[in-house]
PDB file of N, CA and C in Angstrom:
ATOM      1  N   MET A   1       9.820  79.077  89.744  1.00  0.00           N
ATOM      2  CA  MET A   1      10.823  78.147  89.293  1.00  0.00           C
ATOM      3  C   MET A   1      10.485  76.749  89.779  1.00  0.00           C
ATOM      4  N   ASP A   2      10.724  75.785  88.931  1.00  0.00           N
ATOM      5  CA  ASP A   2      10.461  74.390  89.257  1.00  0.00           C
ATOM      6  C   ASP A   2      11.790  73.695  89.555  1.00  0.00           C
ATOM      7  N   PHE A   3      11.951  73.239  90.791  1.00  0.00           N
ATOM      8  CA  PHE A   3      13.191  72.584  91.188  1.00  0.00           C
ATOM      9  C   PHE A   3      13.056  71.072  91.254  1.00  0.00           C
ATOM     10  N   ASP A   4      11.946  70.534  90.780  1.00  0.00           N
ATOM     11  CA  ASP A   4      11.764  69.087  90.756  1.00  0.00           C
ATOM     12  C   ASP A   4      12.590  68.491  89.624  1.00  0.00           C
ATOM     13  N   PHE A   5      13.032  67.251  89.838  1.00  0.00           N
ATOM     14  CA  PHE A   5      13.729  66.547  88.773  1.00  0.00           C
ATOM     15  C   PHE A   5      12.732  66.124  87.705  1.00  0.00           C
ATOM     16  N   THR A   6      13.207  66.065  86.469  1.00  0.00           N
ATOM     17  CA  THR A   6      12.352  65.607  85.372  1.00  0.00           C
ATOM     18  C   THR A   6      12.207  64.092  85.451  1.00  0.00           C
ATOM     19  N   ASP A   7      11.265  63.560  84.694  1.00  0.00           N
ATOM     20  CA  ASP A   7      11.106  62.102  84.633  1.00  0.00           C
ATOM     21  C   ASP A   7      12.388  61.448  84.122  1.00  0.00           C
ATOM     22  N   GLU A   8      13.035  62.072  83.158  1.00  0.00           N
ATOM     23  CA  GLU A   8      14.281  61.530  82.599  1.00  0.00           C
ATOM     24  C   GLU A   8      15.402  61.537  83.638  1.00  0.00           C
ATOM     25  N   GLN A   9      15.495  62.592  84.427  1.00  0.00           N
ATOM     26  CA  GLN A   9      16.508  62.655  85.486  1.00  0.00           C
ATOM     27  C   GLN A   9      16.231  61.616  86.564  1.00  0.00           C
ATOM     28  N   ASN A  10      14.970  61.433  86.905  1.00  0.00           N
ATOM     29  CA  ASN A  10      14.611  60.402  87.882  1.00  0.00           C
ATOM     30  C   ASN A  10      14.910  59.010  87.352  1.00  0.00           C
ATOM     31  N   ALA A  11      14.676  58.776  86.075  1.00  0.00           N
ATOM     32  CA  ALA A  11      14.976  57.479  85.470  1.00  0.00           C
ATOM     33  C   ALA A  11      16.479  57.224  85.486  1.00  0.00           C
ATOM     34  N   LEU A  12      17.263  58.250  85.209  1.00  0.00           N
ATOM     35  CA  LEU A  12      18.719  58.132  85.264  1.00  0.00           C
ATOM     36  C   LEU A  12      19.153  57.777  86.678  1.00  0.00           C
ATOM     37  N   ARG A  13      18.609  58.476  87.661  1.00  0.00           N
ATOM     38  CA  ARG A  13      18.932  58.195  89.066  1.00  0.00           C
ATOM     39  C   ARG A  13      18.596  56.745  89.407  1.00  0.00           C
ATOM     40  N   GLU A  14      17.423  56.299  89.002  1.00  0.00           N
ATOM     41  CA  GLU A  14      16.999  54.936  89.315  1.00  0.00           C
ATOM     42  C   GLU A  14      17.898  53.896  88.654  1.00  0.00           C
ATOM     43  N   ALA A  15      18.327  54.145  87.425  1.00  0.00           N
ATOM     44  CA  ALA A  15      19.203  53.207  86.722  1.00  0.00           C
ATOM     45  C   ALA A  15      20.547  53.082  87.434  1.00  0.00           C
ATOM     46  N   VAL A  16      21.120  54.204  87.825  1.00  0.00           N
ATOM     47  CA  VAL A  16      22.403  54.176  88.527  1.00  0.00           C
ATOM     48  C   VAL A  16      22.223  53.551  89.908  1.00  0.00           C
ATOM     49  N   ALA A  17      21.155  53.883  90.592  1.00  0.00           N
ATOM     50  CA  ALA A  17      20.887  53.313  91.917  1.00  0.00           C
ATOM     51  C   ALA A  17      20.742  51.797  91.842  1.00  0.00           C
ATOM     52  N   ARG A  18      20.069  51.299  90.811  1.00  0.00           N
ATOM     53  CA  ARG A  18      19.933  49.843  90.641  1.00  0.00           C
ATOM     54  C   ARG A  18      21.297  49.195  90.456  1.00  0.00           C
ATOM     55  N   TRP A  19      22.156  49.815  89.622  1.00  0.00           N
ATOM     56  CA  TRP A  19      23.495  49.262  89.407  1.00  0.00           C
ATOM     57  C   TRP A  19      24.274  49.244  90.716  1.00  0.00           C
ATOM     58  N   VAL A  20      24.225  50.329  91.465  1.00  0.00           N
ATOM     59  CA  VAL A  20      24.940  50.405  92.743  1.00  0.00           C
ATOM     60  C   VAL A  20      24.413  49.336  93.693  1.00  0.00           C
ATOM     61  N   ASP A  21      23.101  49.237  93.828  1.00  0.00           N
ATOM     62  CA  ASP A  21      22.505  48.288  94.764  1.00  0.00           C
ATOM     63  C   ASP A  21      22.787  46.839  94.379  1.00  0.00           C
ATOM     64  N   LYS A  22      22.797  46.561  93.095  1.00  0.00           N
ATOM     65  CA  LYS A  22      22.987  45.192  92.620  1.00  0.00           C
ATOM     66  C   LYS A  22      24.463  44.822  92.499  1.00  0.00           C
ATOM     67  N   GLY A  23      25.260  45.720  91.949  1.00  0.00           N
ATOM     68  CA  GLY A  23      26.614  45.349  91.575  1.00  0.00           C
ATOM     69  C   GLY A  23      27.726  45.935  92.404  1.00  0.00           C
ATOM     70  N   PHE A  24      27.405  46.710  93.423  1.00  0.00           N
ATOM     71  CA  PHE A  24      28.475  47.341  94.178  1.00  0.00           C
ATOM     72  C   PHE A  24      28.216  47.242  95.673  1.00  0.00           C
ATOM     73  N   ARG A  25      27.998  46.028  96.111  1.00  0.00           N
ATOM     74  CA  ARG A  25      27.733  45.773  97.526  1.00  0.00           C
ATOM     75  C   ARG A  25      29.027  45.888  98.339  1.00  0.00           C
ATOM     76  N   PHE A  26      28.890  45.798  99.647  1.00  0.00           N
ATOM     77  CA  PHE A  26      30.019  45.970 100.553  1.00  0.00           C
ATOM     78  C   PHE A  26      31.187  45.053 100.200  1.00  0.00           C
ATOM     79  N   GLU A  27      30.908  43.802  99.919  1.00  0.00           N
ATOM     80  CA  GLU A  27      31.974  42.843  99.651  1.00  0.00           C
ATOM     81  C   GLU A  27      32.834  43.290  98.471  1.00  0.00           C
ATOM     82  N   ARG A  28      32.190  43.797  97.442  1.00  0.00           N
ATOM     83  CA  ARG A  28      32.922  44.251  96.264  1.00  0.00           C
ATOM     84  C   ARG A  28      33.725  45.508  96.592  1.00  0.00           C
ATOM     85  N   ARG A  29      33.125  46.439  97.303  1.00  0.00           N
ATOM     86  CA  ARG A  29      33.854  47.648  97.702  1.00  0.00           C
ATOM     87  C   ARG A  29      35.070  47.285  98.538  1.00  0.00           C
ATOM     88  N   HIS A  30      34.891  46.354  99.457  1.00  0.00           N
ATOM     89  CA  HIS A  30      35.983  45.933 100.326  1.00  0.00           C
ATOM     90  C   HIS A  30      37.113  45.304  99.507  1.00  0.00           C
ATOM     91  N   ALA A  31      36.773  44.418  98.595  1.00  0.00           N
ATOM     92  CA  ALA A  31      37.787  43.769  97.757  1.00  0.00           C
ATOM     93  C   ALA A  31      38.524  44.792  96.896  1.00  0.00           C
ATOM     94  N   LEU A  32      37.798  45.750  96.351  1.00  0.00           N
ATOM     95  CA  LEU A  32      38.441  46.782  95.537  1.00  0.00           C
ATOM     96  C   LEU A  32      39.362  47.656  96.380  1.00  0.00           C
ATOM     97  N   ALA A  33      38.947  47.985  97.578  1.00  0.00           N
ATOM     98  CA  ALA A  33      39.790  48.802  98.465  1.00  0.00           C
ATOM     99  C   ALA A  33      41.085  48.061  98.796  1.00  0.00           C
ATOM    100  N   LYS A  34      40.985  46.769  99.047  1.00  0.00           N
ATOM    101  CA  LYS A  34      42.177  45.981  99.348  1.00  0.00           C
ATOM    102  C   LYS A  34      43.098  45.874  98.137  1.00  0.00           C
ATOM    103  N   ALA A  35      42.527  45.959  96.934  1.00  0.00           N
ATOM    104  CA  ALA A  35      43.314  45.825  95.700  1.00  0.00           C
ATOM    105  C   ALA A  35      43.839  47.165  95.190  1.00  0.00           C
ATOM    106  N   GLY A  36      43.639  48.229  95.934  1.00  0.00           N
ATOM    107  CA  GLY A  36      44.177  49.517  95.509  1.00  0.00           C
ATOM    108  C   GLY A  36      43.148  50.598  95.281  1.00  0.00           C
ATOM    109  N   GLY A  37      41.871  50.259  95.296  1.00  0.00           N
ATOM    110  CA  GLY A  37      40.851  51.293  95.274  1.00  0.00           C
ATOM    111  C   GLY A  37      40.006  51.425  94.035  1.00  0.00           C
ATOM    112  N   HIS A  38      40.451  50.898  92.913  1.00  0.00           N
ATOM    113  CA  HIS A  38      39.626  50.997  91.711  1.00  0.00           C
ATOM    114  C   HIS A  38      39.971  49.848  90.765  1.00  0.00           C
ATOM    115  N   ALA A  39      39.106  49.631  89.809  1.00  0.00           N
ATOM    116  CA  ALA A  39      39.329  48.548  88.860  1.00  0.00           C
ATOM    117  C   ALA A  39      38.768  48.928  87.497  1.00  0.00           C
ATOM    118  N   ARG A  40      39.421  48.462  86.468  1.00  0.00           N
ATOM    119  CA  ARG A  40      38.949  48.713  85.103  1.00  0.00           C
ATOM    120  C   ARG A  40      37.542  48.151  84.885  1.00  0.00           C
ATOM    121  N   GLU A  41      37.246  47.048  85.543  1.00  0.00           N
ATOM    122  CA  GLU A  41      35.926  46.430  85.353  1.00  0.00           C
ATOM    123  C   GLU A  41      34.807  47.365  85.797  1.00  0.00           C
ATOM    124  N   VAL A  42      35.044  48.135  86.857  1.00  0.00           N
ATOM    125  CA  VAL A  42      34.032  49.086  87.329  1.00  0.00           C
ATOM    126  C   VAL A  42      33.824  50.162  86.278  1.00  0.00           C
ATOM    127  N   TRP A  43      34.925  50.700  85.755  1.00  0.00           N
ATOM    128  CA  TRP A  43      34.821  51.734  84.719  1.00  0.00           C
ATOM    129  C   TRP A  43      34.129  51.180  83.481  1.00  0.00           C
ATOM    130  N   ALA A  44      34.412  49.932  83.142  1.00  0.00           N
ATOM    131  CA  ALA A  44      33.755  49.315  81.986  1.00  0.00           C
ATOM    132  C   ALA A  44      32.254  49.186  82.213  1.00  0.00           C
ATOM    133  N   GLU A  45      31.860  48.843  83.421  1.00  0.00           N
ATOM    134  CA  GLU A  45      30.435  48.737  83.728  1.00  0.00           C
ATOM    135  C   GLU A  45      29.754  50.095  83.659  1.00  0.00           C
ATOM    136  N   LEU A  46      30.423  51.120  84.199  1.00  0.00           N
ATOM    137  CA  LEU A  46      29.858  52.471  84.137  1.00  0.00           C
ATOM    138  C   LEU A  46      29.750  52.942  82.687  1.00  0.00           C
ATOM    139  N   ALA A  47      30.757  52.631  81.889  1.00  0.00           N
ATOM    140  CA  ALA A  47      30.703  52.976  80.471  1.00  0.00           C
ATOM    141  C   ALA A  47      29.579  52.213  79.785  1.00  0.00           C
ATOM    142  N   GLY A  48      29.364  50.977  80.195  1.00  0.00           N
ATOM    143  CA  GLY A  48      28.269  50.174  79.637  1.00  0.00           C
ATOM    144  C   GLY A  48      26.908  50.783  79.922  1.00  0.00           C
ATOM    145  N   LEU A  49      26.813  51.513  81.027  1.00  0.00           N
ATOM    146  CA  LEU A  49      25.576  52.234  81.346  1.00  0.00           C
ATOM    147  C   LEU A  49      25.458  53.531  80.541  1.00  0.00           C
ATOM    148  N   GLY A  50      26.537  53.877  79.832  1.00  0.00           N
ATOM    149  CA  GLY A  50      26.541  55.110  79.049  1.00  0.00           C
ATOM    150  C   GLY A  50      27.074  56.301  79.806  1.00  0.00           C
ATOM    151  N   LEU A  51      27.553  56.081  81.019  1.00  0.00           N
ATOM    152  CA  LEU A  51      27.950  57.200  81.863  1.00  0.00           C
ATOM    153  C   LEU A  51      29.252  57.851  81.431  1.00  0.00           C
ATOM    154  N   ALA A  52      30.074  57.148  80.658  1.00  0.00           N
ATOM    155  CA  ALA A  52      31.306  57.768  80.163  1.00  0.00           C
ATOM    156  C   ALA A  52      30.987  58.908  79.200  1.00  0.00           C
ATOM    157  N   GLY A  53      29.818  58.844  78.576  1.00  0.00           N
ATOM    158  CA  GLY A  53      29.403  59.884  77.646  1.00  0.00           C
ATOM    159  C   GLY A  53      28.302  60.765  78.194  1.00  0.00           C
ATOM    160  N   LEU A  54      28.207  60.841  79.488  1.00  0.00           N
ATOM    161  CA  LEU A  54      27.120  61.570  80.135  1.00  0.00           C
ATOM    162  C   LEU A  54      27.007  63.005  79.627  1.00  0.00           C
ATOM    163  N   ALA A  55      28.131  63.724  79.600  1.00  0.00           N
ATOM    164  CA  ALA A  55      28.101  65.139  79.214  1.00  0.00           C
ATOM    165  C   ALA A  55      28.584  65.369  77.788  1.00  0.00           C
ATOM    166  N   VAL A  56      28.766  64.296  77.037  1.00  0.00           N
ATOM    167  CA  VAL A  56      29.177  64.415  75.634  1.00  0.00           C
ATOM    168  C   VAL A  56      27.926  64.640  74.792  1.00  0.00           C
ATOM    169  N   ALA A  57      28.015  65.559  73.859  1.00  0.00           N
ATOM    170  CA  ALA A  57      26.861  65.875  73.006  1.00  0.00           C
ATOM    171  C   ALA A  57      26.366  64.624  72.265  1.00  0.00           C
ATOM    172  N   GLU A  58      25.071  64.560  72.080  1.00  0.00           N
ATOM    173  CA  GLU A  58      24.473  63.409  71.398  1.00  0.00           C
ATOM    174  C   GLU A  58      25.014  63.235  69.983  1.00  0.00           C
ATOM    175  N   ASP A  59      25.269  64.343  69.280  1.00  0.00           N
ATOM    176  CA  ASP A  59      25.773  64.218  67.914  1.00  0.00           C
ATOM    177  C   ASP A  59      27.219  63.717  67.867  1.00  0.00           C
ATOM    178  N   HIS A  60      27.840  63.578  69.032  1.00  0.00           N
ATOM    179  CA  HIS A  60      29.178  62.991  69.131  1.00  0.00           C
ATOM    180  C   HIS A  60      29.130  61.628  69.823  1.00  0.00           C
ATOM    181  N   GLY A  61      27.940  61.067  69.958  1.00  0.00           N
ATOM    182  CA  GLY A  61      27.782  59.725  70.518  1.00  0.00           C
ATOM    183  C   GLY A  61      27.533  59.657  72.008  1.00  0.00           C
ATOM    184  N   GLY A  62      27.363  60.797  72.652  1.00  0.00           N
ATOM    185  CA  GLY A  62      27.131  60.798  74.096  1.00  0.00           C
ATOM    186  C   GLY A  62      25.659  60.908  74.447  1.00  0.00           C
ATOM    187  N   LEU A  63      25.406  61.123  75.718  1.00  0.00           N
ATOM    188  CA  LEU A  63      24.030  61.257  76.198  1.00  0.00           C
ATOM    189  C   LEU A  63      23.531  62.692  76.137  1.00  0.00           C
ATOM    190  N   GLY A  64      24.460  63.658  76.098  1.00  0.00           N
ATOM    191  CA  GLY A  64      24.074  65.056  75.971  1.00  0.00           C
ATOM    192  C   GLY A  64      23.478  65.670  77.221  1.00  0.00           C
ATOM    193  N   TYR A  65      23.795  65.124  78.374  1.00  0.00           N
ATOM    194  CA  TYR A  65      23.260  65.658  79.618  1.00  0.00           C
ATOM    195  C   TYR A  65      24.129  66.794  80.134  1.00  0.00           C
ATOM    196  N   GLY A  66      23.612  67.496  81.140  1.00  0.00           N
ATOM    197  CA  GLY A  66      24.310  68.636  81.713  1.00  0.00           C
ATOM    198  C   GLY A  66      24.695  68.418  83.156  1.00  0.00           C
ATOM    199  N   PRO A  67      24.958  69.517  83.859  1.00  0.00           N
ATOM    200  CA  PRO A  67      25.443  69.420  85.238  1.00  0.00           C
ATOM    201  C   PRO A  67      24.435  68.836  86.226  1.00  0.00           C
ATOM    202  N   VAL A  68      23.172  69.031  86.006  1.00  0.00           N
ATOM    203  CA  VAL A  68      22.171  68.473  86.942  1.00  0.00           C
ATOM    204  C   VAL A  68      22.183  66.951  86.849  1.00  0.00           C
ATOM    205  N   GLU A  69      22.232  66.431  85.629  1.00  0.00           N
ATOM    206  CA  GLU A  69      22.267  64.974  85.460  1.00  0.00           C
ATOM    207  C   GLU A  69      23.573  64.398  86.014  1.00  0.00           C
ATOM    208  N   ALA A  70      24.679  65.126  85.829  1.00  0.00           N
ATOM    209  CA  ALA A  70      25.959  64.679  86.385  1.00  0.00           C
ATOM    210  C   ALA A  70      25.873  64.616  87.908  1.00  0.00           C
ATOM    211  N   MET A  71      25.219  65.599  88.518  1.00  0.00           N
ATOM    212  CA  MET A  71      25.048  65.610  89.966  1.00  0.00           C
ATOM    213  C   MET A  71      24.194  64.426  90.421  1.00  0.00           C
ATOM    214  N   VAL A  72      23.143  64.128  89.669  1.00  0.00           N
ATOM    215  CA  VAL A  72      22.273  62.995  90.002  1.00  0.00           C
ATOM    216  C   VAL A  72      23.091  61.700  90.003  1.00  0.00           C
ATOM    217  N   VAL A  73      23.914  61.519  88.975  1.00  0.00           N
ATOM    218  CA  VAL A  73      24.747  60.320  88.872  1.00  0.00           C
ATOM    219  C   VAL A  73      25.769  60.288  90.004  1.00  0.00           C
ATOM    220  N   GLN A  74      26.458  61.394  90.240  1.00  0.00           N
ATOM    221  CA  GLN A  74      27.474  61.440  91.285  1.00  0.00           C
ATOM    222  C   GLN A  74      26.883  61.182  92.667  1.00  0.00           C
ATOM    223  N   GLU A  75      25.686  61.662  92.893  1.00  0.00           N
ATOM    224  CA  GLU A  75      25.033  61.421  94.180  1.00  0.00           C
ATOM    225  C   GLU A  75      24.811  59.933  94.409  1.00  0.00           C
ATOM    226  N   GLU A  76      24.337  59.239  93.383  1.00  0.00           N
ATOM    227  CA  GLU A  76      24.108  57.801  93.525  1.00  0.00           C
ATOM    228  C   GLU A  76      25.411  57.024  93.631  1.00  0.00           C
ATOM    229  N   LEU A  77      26.415  57.401  92.842  1.00  0.00           N
ATOM    230  CA  LEU A  77      27.712  56.737  92.943  1.00  0.00           C
ATOM    231  C   LEU A  77      28.327  56.986  94.321  1.00  0.00           C
ATOM    232  N   GLY A  78      28.155  58.179  94.839  1.00  0.00           N
ATOM    233  CA  GLY A  78      28.668  58.487  96.172  1.00  0.00           C
ATOM    234  C   GLY A  78      27.956  57.703  97.252  1.00  0.00           C
ATOM    235  N   ARG A  79      26.667  57.509  97.072  1.00  0.00           N
ATOM    236  CA  ARG A  79      25.894  56.714  98.037  1.00  0.00           C
ATOM    237  C   ARG A  79      26.454  55.301  98.125  1.00  0.00           C
ATOM    238  N   GLY A  80      26.916  54.787  96.993  1.00  0.00           N
ATOM    239  CA  GLY A  80      27.475  53.432  96.968  1.00  0.00           C
ATOM    240  C   GLY A  80      28.970  53.389  97.175  1.00  0.00           C
ATOM    241  N   LEU A  81      29.594  54.554  97.446  1.00  0.00           N
ATOM    242  CA  LEU A  81      31.037  54.648  97.615  1.00  0.00           C
ATOM    243  C   LEU A  81      31.791  54.085  96.410  1.00  0.00           C
ATOM    244  N   VAL A  82      31.276  54.353  95.234  1.00  0.00           N
ATOM    245  CA  VAL A  82      31.905  53.891  93.989  1.00  0.00           C
ATOM    246  C   VAL A  82      33.040  54.831  93.651  1.00  0.00           C
ATOM    247  N   HIS A  83      34.195  54.262  93.343  1.00  0.00           N
ATOM    248  CA  HIS A  83      35.323  55.090  92.910  1.00  0.00           C
ATOM    249  C   HIS A  83      36.167  54.351  91.929  1.00  0.00           C
TER     250      HIS A  83
END
């Protein structure tokens, strides 16, 4: 069995990691926490990355990914304390 991530899964991880590193620094997390913990703008940015359709079938306009890709995304979002 091969437990390595595919090139596509690694690319997904890198894309989310770049967004977290660039757009979700401590100052932003702190401001969001003081404002109640979440913001529509964050969800809009995640949707702009296509993550709102992560597990939606491609023929319905989503990315068509499965649980492994969802885990990859959640791991990176968790690393950045995105909520």
